[in-house]
PDB file of N, CA and C in Angstrom:
ATOM      1  N   MET A   1     -10.427   4.733   9.892  1.00  0.00           N
ATOM      2  CA  MET A   1      -9.735   3.472  10.122  1.00  0.00           C
ATOM      3  C   MET A   1      -8.279   3.630   9.667  1.00  0.00           C
ATOM      4  N   ALA A   2      -7.362   3.353  10.533  1.00  0.00           N
ATOM      5  CA  ALA A   2      -5.939   3.472  10.224  1.00  0.00           C
ATOM      6  C   ALA A   2      -5.483   2.307   9.353  1.00  0.00           C
ATOM      7  N   ILE A   3      -4.520   2.592   8.487  1.00  0.00           N
ATOM      8  CA  ILE A   3      -3.904   1.566   7.655  1.00  0.00           C
ATOM      9  C   ILE A   3      -2.925   0.790   8.531  1.00  0.00           C
ATOM     10  N   THR A   4      -2.923  -0.544   8.380  1.00  0.00           N
ATOM     11  CA  THR A   4      -1.981  -1.394   9.096  1.00  0.00           C
ATOM     12  C   THR A   4      -1.186  -2.206   8.086  1.00  0.00           C
ATOM     13  N   LYS A   5      -0.032  -2.711   8.512  1.00  0.00           N
ATOM     14  CA  LYS A   5       0.839  -3.418   7.581  1.00  0.00           C
ATOM     15  C   LYS A   5       0.269  -4.748   7.101  1.00  0.00           C
ATOM     16  N   ASP A   6      -0.693  -5.297   7.812  1.00  0.00           N
ATOM     17  CA  ASP A   6      -1.269  -6.574   7.382  1.00  0.00           C
ATOM     18  C   ASP A   6      -2.483  -6.404   6.462  1.00  0.00           C
ATOM     19  N   MET A   7      -2.868  -5.152   6.197  1.00  0.00           N
ATOM     20  CA  MET A   7      -4.006  -4.909   5.299  1.00  0.00           C
ATOM     21  C   MET A   7      -3.619  -5.222   3.861  1.00  0.00           C
ATOM     22  N   LEU A   8      -4.579  -5.749   3.100  1.00  0.00           N
ATOM     23  CA  LEU A   8      -4.343  -6.038   1.688  1.00  0.00           C
ATOM     24  C   LEU A   8      -4.374  -4.750   0.876  1.00  0.00           C
ATOM     25  N   ILE A   9      -3.524  -4.699  -0.143  1.00  0.00           N
ATOM     26  CA  ILE A   9      -3.464  -3.534  -1.024  1.00  0.00           C
ATOM     27  C   ILE A   9      -4.848  -3.238  -1.599  1.00  0.00           C
ATOM     28  N   GLY A  10      -5.553  -4.262  -2.017  1.00  0.00           N
ATOM     29  CA  GLY A  10      -6.886  -4.080  -2.578  1.00  0.00           C
ATOM     30  C   GLY A  10      -7.841  -3.428  -1.603  1.00  0.00           C
ATOM     31  N   ASP A  11      -7.784  -3.833  -0.351  1.00  0.00           N
ATOM     32  CA  ASP A  11      -8.660  -3.247   0.673  1.00  0.00           C
ATOM     33  C   ASP A  11      -8.296  -1.787   0.943  1.00  0.00           C
ATOM     34  N   ILE A  12      -7.006  -1.504   0.951  1.00  0.00           N
ATOM     35  CA  ILE A  12      -6.549  -0.131   1.162  1.00  0.00           C
ATOM     36  C   ILE A  12      -7.049   0.762   0.035  1.00  0.00           C
ATOM     37  N   LEU A  13      -6.894   0.295  -1.207  1.00  0.00           N
ATOM     38  CA  LEU A  13      -7.288   1.110  -2.357  1.00  0.00           C
ATOM     39  C   LEU A  13      -8.796   1.260  -2.473  1.00  0.00           C
ATOM     40  N   THR A  14      -9.539   0.262  -2.037  1.00  0.00           N
ATOM     41  CA  THR A  14     -10.998   0.371  -2.041  1.00  0.00           C
ATOM     42  C   THR A  14     -11.444   1.443  -1.055  1.00  0.00           C
ATOM     43  N   ALA A  15     -10.840   1.443   0.122  1.00  0.00           N
ATOM     44  CA  ALA A  15     -11.217   2.405   1.155  1.00  0.00           C
ATOM     45  C   ALA A  15     -10.641   3.797   0.896  1.00  0.00           C
ATOM     46  N   TYR A  16      -9.422   3.845   0.373  1.00  0.00           N
ATOM     47  CA  TYR A  16      -8.715   5.118   0.192  1.00  0.00           C
ATOM     48  C   TYR A  16      -8.008   5.148  -1.166  1.00  0.00           C
ATOM     49  N   PRO A  17      -8.747   5.329  -2.244  1.00  0.00           N
ATOM     50  CA  PRO A  17      -8.116   5.325  -3.574  1.00  0.00           C
ATOM     51  C   PRO A  17      -7.038   6.394  -3.738  1.00  0.00           C
ATOM     52  N   ASN A  18      -7.113   7.461  -2.971  1.00  0.00           N
ATOM     53  CA  ASN A  18      -6.108   8.521  -3.052  1.00  0.00           C
ATOM     54  C   ASN A  18      -4.721   8.063  -2.603  1.00  0.00           C
ATOM     55  N   LEU A  19      -4.636   6.934  -1.885  1.00  0.00           N
ATOM     56  CA  LEU A  19      -3.344   6.453  -1.401  1.00  0.00           C
ATOM     57  C   LEU A  19      -2.549   5.719  -2.475  1.00  0.00           C
ATOM     58  N   ALA A  20      -3.137   5.527  -3.646  1.00  0.00           N
ATOM     59  CA  ALA A  20      -2.430   4.858  -4.747  1.00  0.00           C
ATOM     60  C   ALA A  20      -1.142   5.605  -5.098  1.00  0.00           C
ATOM     61  N   VAL A  21      -1.137   6.899  -4.905  1.00  0.00           N
ATOM     62  CA  VAL A  21       0.050   7.689  -5.220  1.00  0.00           C
ATOM     63  C   VAL A  21       1.259   7.227  -4.412  1.00  0.00           C
ATOM     64  N   HIS A  22       1.061   6.825  -3.172  1.00  0.00           N
ATOM     65  CA  HIS A  22       2.166   6.339  -2.333  1.00  0.00           C
ATOM     66  C   HIS A  22       2.676   4.992  -2.834  1.00  0.00           C
ATOM     67  N   LEU A  23       1.758   4.151  -3.261  1.00  0.00           N
ATOM     68  CA  LEU A  23       2.148   2.837  -3.774  1.00  0.00           C
ATOM     69  C   LEU A  23       2.884   2.972  -5.100  1.00  0.00           C
ATOM     70  N   SER A  24       2.411   3.847  -5.942  1.00  0.00           N
ATOM     71  CA  SER A  24       3.094   4.095  -7.217  1.00  0.00           C
ATOM     72  C   SER A  24       4.489   4.647  -6.982  1.00  0.00           C
ATOM     73  N   ALA A  25       4.628   5.520  -6.008  1.00  0.00           N
ATOM     74  CA  ALA A  25       5.922   6.126  -5.711  1.00  0.00           C
ATOM     75  C   ALA A  25       6.953   5.100  -5.264  1.00  0.00           C
ATOM     76  N   MET A  26       6.492   3.991  -4.685  1.00  0.00           N
ATOM     77  CA  MET A  26       7.446   2.973  -4.249  1.00  0.00           C
ATOM     78  C   MET A  26       7.703   1.927  -5.328  1.00  0.00           C
ATOM     79  N   GLY A  27       7.097   2.109  -6.497  1.00  0.00           N
ATOM     80  CA  GLY A  27       7.369   1.196  -7.606  1.00  0.00           C
ATOM     81  C   GLY A  27       6.253   0.231  -7.938  1.00  0.00           C
ATOM     82  N   MET A  28       5.135   0.320  -7.228  1.00  0.00           N
ATOM     83  CA  MET A  28       3.988  -0.547  -7.522  1.00  0.00           C
ATOM     84  C   MET A  28       3.150   0.121  -8.604  1.00  0.00           C
ATOM     85  N   HIS A  29       3.504  -0.134  -9.847  1.00  0.00           N
ATOM     86  CA  HIS A  29       2.811   0.517 -10.953  1.00  0.00           C
ATOM     87  C   HIS A  29       1.649  -0.304 -11.486  1.00  0.00           C
ATOM     88  N   CYS A  30       1.547  -1.552 -11.105  1.00  0.00           N
ATOM     89  CA  CYS A  30       0.483  -2.422 -11.588  1.00  0.00           C
ATOM     90  C   CYS A  30      -0.529  -2.660 -10.466  1.00  0.00           C
ATOM     91  N   LEU A  31      -1.140  -1.591 -10.011  1.00  0.00           N
ATOM     92  CA  LEU A  31      -2.047  -1.679  -8.866  1.00  0.00           C
ATOM     93  C   LEU A  31      -3.334  -2.423  -9.176  1.00  0.00           C
ATOM     94  N   GLY A  32      -3.675  -2.561 -10.435  1.00  0.00           N
ATOM     95  CA  GLY A  32      -4.913  -3.236 -10.799  1.00  0.00           C
ATOM     96  C   GLY A  32      -4.775  -4.735 -10.966  1.00  0.00           C
ATOM     97  N   CYS A  33      -3.547  -5.245 -11.011  1.00  0.00           N
ATOM     98  CA  CYS A  33      -3.402  -6.682 -11.235  1.00  0.00           C
ATOM     99  C   CYS A  33      -3.758  -7.454  -9.967  1.00  0.00           C
ATOM    100  N   PRO A  34      -4.329  -8.647 -10.135  1.00  0.00           N
ATOM    101  CA  PRO A  34      -4.818  -9.424  -8.973  1.00  0.00           C
ATOM    102  C   PRO A  34      -3.754  -9.710  -7.926  1.00  0.00           C
ATOM    103  N   SER A  35      -2.531 -10.015  -8.349  1.00  0.00           N
ATOM    104  CA  SER A  35      -1.516 -10.346  -7.339  1.00  0.00           C
ATOM    105  C   SER A  35      -1.138  -9.129  -6.509  1.00  0.00           C
ATOM    106  N   ALA A  36      -1.069  -7.944  -7.124  1.00  0.00           N
ATOM    107  CA  ALA A  36      -0.735  -6.745  -6.368  1.00  0.00           C
ATOM    108  C   ALA A  36      -1.841  -6.407  -5.383  1.00  0.00           C
ATOM    109  N   ARG A  37      -3.083  -6.538  -5.802  1.00  0.00           N
ATOM    110  CA  ARG A  37      -4.201  -6.195  -4.928  1.00  0.00           C
ATOM    111  C   ARG A  37      -4.402  -7.221  -3.823  1.00  0.00           C
ATOM    112  N   GLY A  38      -3.835  -8.410  -3.984  1.00  0.00           N
ATOM    113  CA  GLY A  38      -4.025  -9.466  -3.000  1.00  0.00           C
ATOM    114  C   GLY A  38      -2.903  -9.620  -1.995  1.00  0.00           C
ATOM    115  N   GLU A  39      -1.877  -8.786  -2.097  1.00  0.00           N
ATOM    116  CA  GLU A  39      -0.793  -8.892  -1.123  1.00  0.00           C
ATOM    117  C   GLU A  39      -0.943  -7.824  -0.045  1.00  0.00           C
ATOM    118  N   SER A  40      -0.334  -8.081   1.081  1.00  0.00           N
ATOM    119  CA  SER A  40      -0.419  -7.116   2.181  1.00  0.00           C
ATOM    120  C   SER A  40       0.530  -5.956   1.927  1.00  0.00           C
ATOM    121  N   LEU A  41       0.301  -4.871   2.626  1.00  0.00           N
ATOM    122  CA  LEU A  41       1.193  -3.723   2.522  1.00  0.00           C
ATOM    123  C   LEU A  41       2.608  -4.124   2.934  1.00  0.00           C
ATOM    124  N   GLU A  42       2.722  -4.930   3.959  1.00  0.00           N
ATOM    125  CA  GLU A  42       4.042  -5.368   4.418  1.00  0.00           C
ATOM    126  C   GLU A  42       4.757  -6.170   3.330  1.00  0.00           C
ATOM    127  N   GLN A  43       4.043  -7.072   2.658  1.00  0.00           N
ATOM    128  CA  GLN A  43       4.634  -7.859   1.580  1.00  0.00           C
ATOM    129  C   GLN A  43       5.077  -6.958   0.427  1.00  0.00           C
ATOM    130  N   ALA A  44       4.228  -6.014   0.056  1.00  0.00           N
ATOM    131  CA  ALA A  44       4.553  -5.103  -1.041  1.00  0.00           C
ATOM    132  C   ALA A  44       5.794  -4.284  -0.712  1.00  0.00           C
ATOM    133  N   CYS A  45       5.875  -3.791   0.496  1.00  0.00           N
ATOM    134  CA  CYS A  45       7.040  -3.007   0.905  1.00  0.00           C
ATOM    135  C   CYS A  45       8.304  -3.862   0.879  1.00  0.00           C
ATOM    136  N   MET A  46       8.199  -5.095   1.334  1.00  0.00           N
ATOM    137  CA  MET A  46       9.350  -5.981   1.346  1.00  0.00           C
ATOM    138  C   MET A  46       9.860  -6.223  -0.080  1.00  0.00           C
ATOM    139  N   VAL A  47       8.949  -6.501  -1.000  1.00  0.00           N
ATOM    140  CA  VAL A  47       9.315  -6.772  -2.385  1.00  0.00           C
ATOM    141  C   VAL A  47       9.969  -5.555  -3.036  1.00  0.00           C
ATOM    142  N   HIS A  48       9.493  -4.367  -2.681  1.00  0.00           N
ATOM    143  CA  HIS A  48       9.973  -3.139  -3.307  1.00  0.00           C
ATOM    144  C   HIS A  48      11.056  -2.424  -2.502  1.00  0.00           C
ATOM    145  N   GLY A  49      11.513  -3.042  -1.415  1.00  0.00           N
ATOM    146  CA  GLY A  49      12.606  -2.477  -0.632  1.00  0.00           C
ATOM    147  C   GLY A  49      12.269  -1.188   0.091  1.00  0.00           C
ATOM    148  N   VAL A  50      11.030  -1.106   0.576  1.00  0.00           N
ATOM    149  CA  VAL A  50      10.548   0.083   1.267  1.00  0.00           C
ATOM    150  C   VAL A  50      10.289  -0.256   2.735  1.00  0.00           C
ATOM    151  N   ASP A  51      10.647   0.646   3.621  1.00  0.00           N
ATOM    152  CA  ASP A  51      10.384   0.449   5.047  1.00  0.00           C
ATOM    153  C   ASP A  51       8.883   0.577   5.296  1.00  0.00           C
ATOM    154  N   VAL A  52       8.279  -0.489   5.783  1.00  0.00           N
ATOM    155  CA  VAL A  52       6.820  -0.521   5.972  1.00  0.00           C
ATOM    156  C   VAL A  52       6.365   0.513   6.990  1.00  0.00           C
ATOM    157  N   ASP A  53       7.155   0.762   8.011  1.00  0.00           N
ATOM    158  CA  ASP A  53       6.754   1.739   9.027  1.00  0.00           C
ATOM    159  C   ASP A  53       6.732   3.161   8.456  1.00  0.00           C
ATOM    160  N   GLU A  54       7.693   3.478   7.596  1.00  0.00           N
ATOM    161  CA  GLU A  54       7.691   4.780   6.943  1.00  0.00           C
ATOM    162  C   GLU A  54       6.481   4.927   6.015  1.00  0.00           C
ATOM    163  N   MET A  55       6.178   3.850   5.280  1.00  0.00           N
ATOM    164  CA  MET A  55       5.031   3.881   4.378  1.00  0.00           C
ATOM    165  C   MET A  55       3.741   4.042   5.170  1.00  0.00           C
ATOM    166  N   LEU A  56       3.609   3.347   6.283  1.00  0.00           N
ATOM    167  CA  LEU A  56       2.417   3.490   7.128  1.00  0.00           C
ATOM    168  C   LEU A  56       2.246   4.923   7.614  1.00  0.00           C
ATOM    169  N   GLU A  57       3.339   5.529   7.998  1.00  0.00           N
ATOM    170  CA  GLU A  57       3.283   6.922   8.476  1.00  0.00           C
ATOM    171  C   GLU A  57       2.793   7.848   7.379  1.00  0.00           C
ATOM    172  N   LYS A  58       3.314   7.690   6.170  1.00  0.00           N
ATOM    173  CA  LYS A  58       2.895   8.532   5.045  1.00  0.00           C
ATOM    174  C   LYS A  58       1.435   8.303   4.700  1.00  0.00           C
ATOM    175  N   MET A  59       1.032   7.041   4.612  1.00  0.00           N
ATOM    176  CA  MET A  59      -0.333   6.725   4.203  1.00  0.00           C
ATOM    177  C   MET A  59      -1.344   7.179   5.250  1.00  0.00           C
ATOM    178  N   ASN A  60      -1.066   6.916   6.495  1.00  0.00           N
ATOM    179  CA  ASN A  60      -1.991   7.293   7.555  1.00  0.00           C
ATOM    180  C   ASN A  60      -2.110   8.824   7.699  1.00  0.00           C
ATOM    181  N   ALA A  61      -1.076   9.541   7.313  1.00  0.00           N
ATOM    182  CA  ALA A  61      -1.132  10.996   7.344  1.00  0.00           C
ATOM    183  C   ALA A  61      -2.083  11.544   6.267  1.00  0.00           C
ATOM    184  N   ASP A  62      -2.347  10.733   5.234  1.00  0.00           N
ATOM    185  CA  ASP A  62      -3.172  11.176   4.121  1.00  0.00           C
ATOM    186  C   ASP A  62      -4.613  10.668   4.154  1.00  0.00           C
ATOM    187  N   ILE A  63      -4.991   9.976   5.208  1.00  0.00           N
ATOM    188  CA  ILE A  63      -6.398   9.513   5.260  1.00  0.00           C
ATOM    189  C   ILE A  63      -7.226  10.443   6.104  1.00  0.00           C
TER     190      ILE A  63
END
């Protein structure tokens, strides 16, 4: 299953825990907190100033 920008961080990490490294690299260091796990990848990228399409490419390459 490919990662999409509307997927929740929590769902991504449940399915692919190895992708946490990409989220940490963009500044999401509190991956266990409820608000981080409940936001979409697109929202997280927006907050952290990361291009969501680039992040999708990296994450999908690692699944």
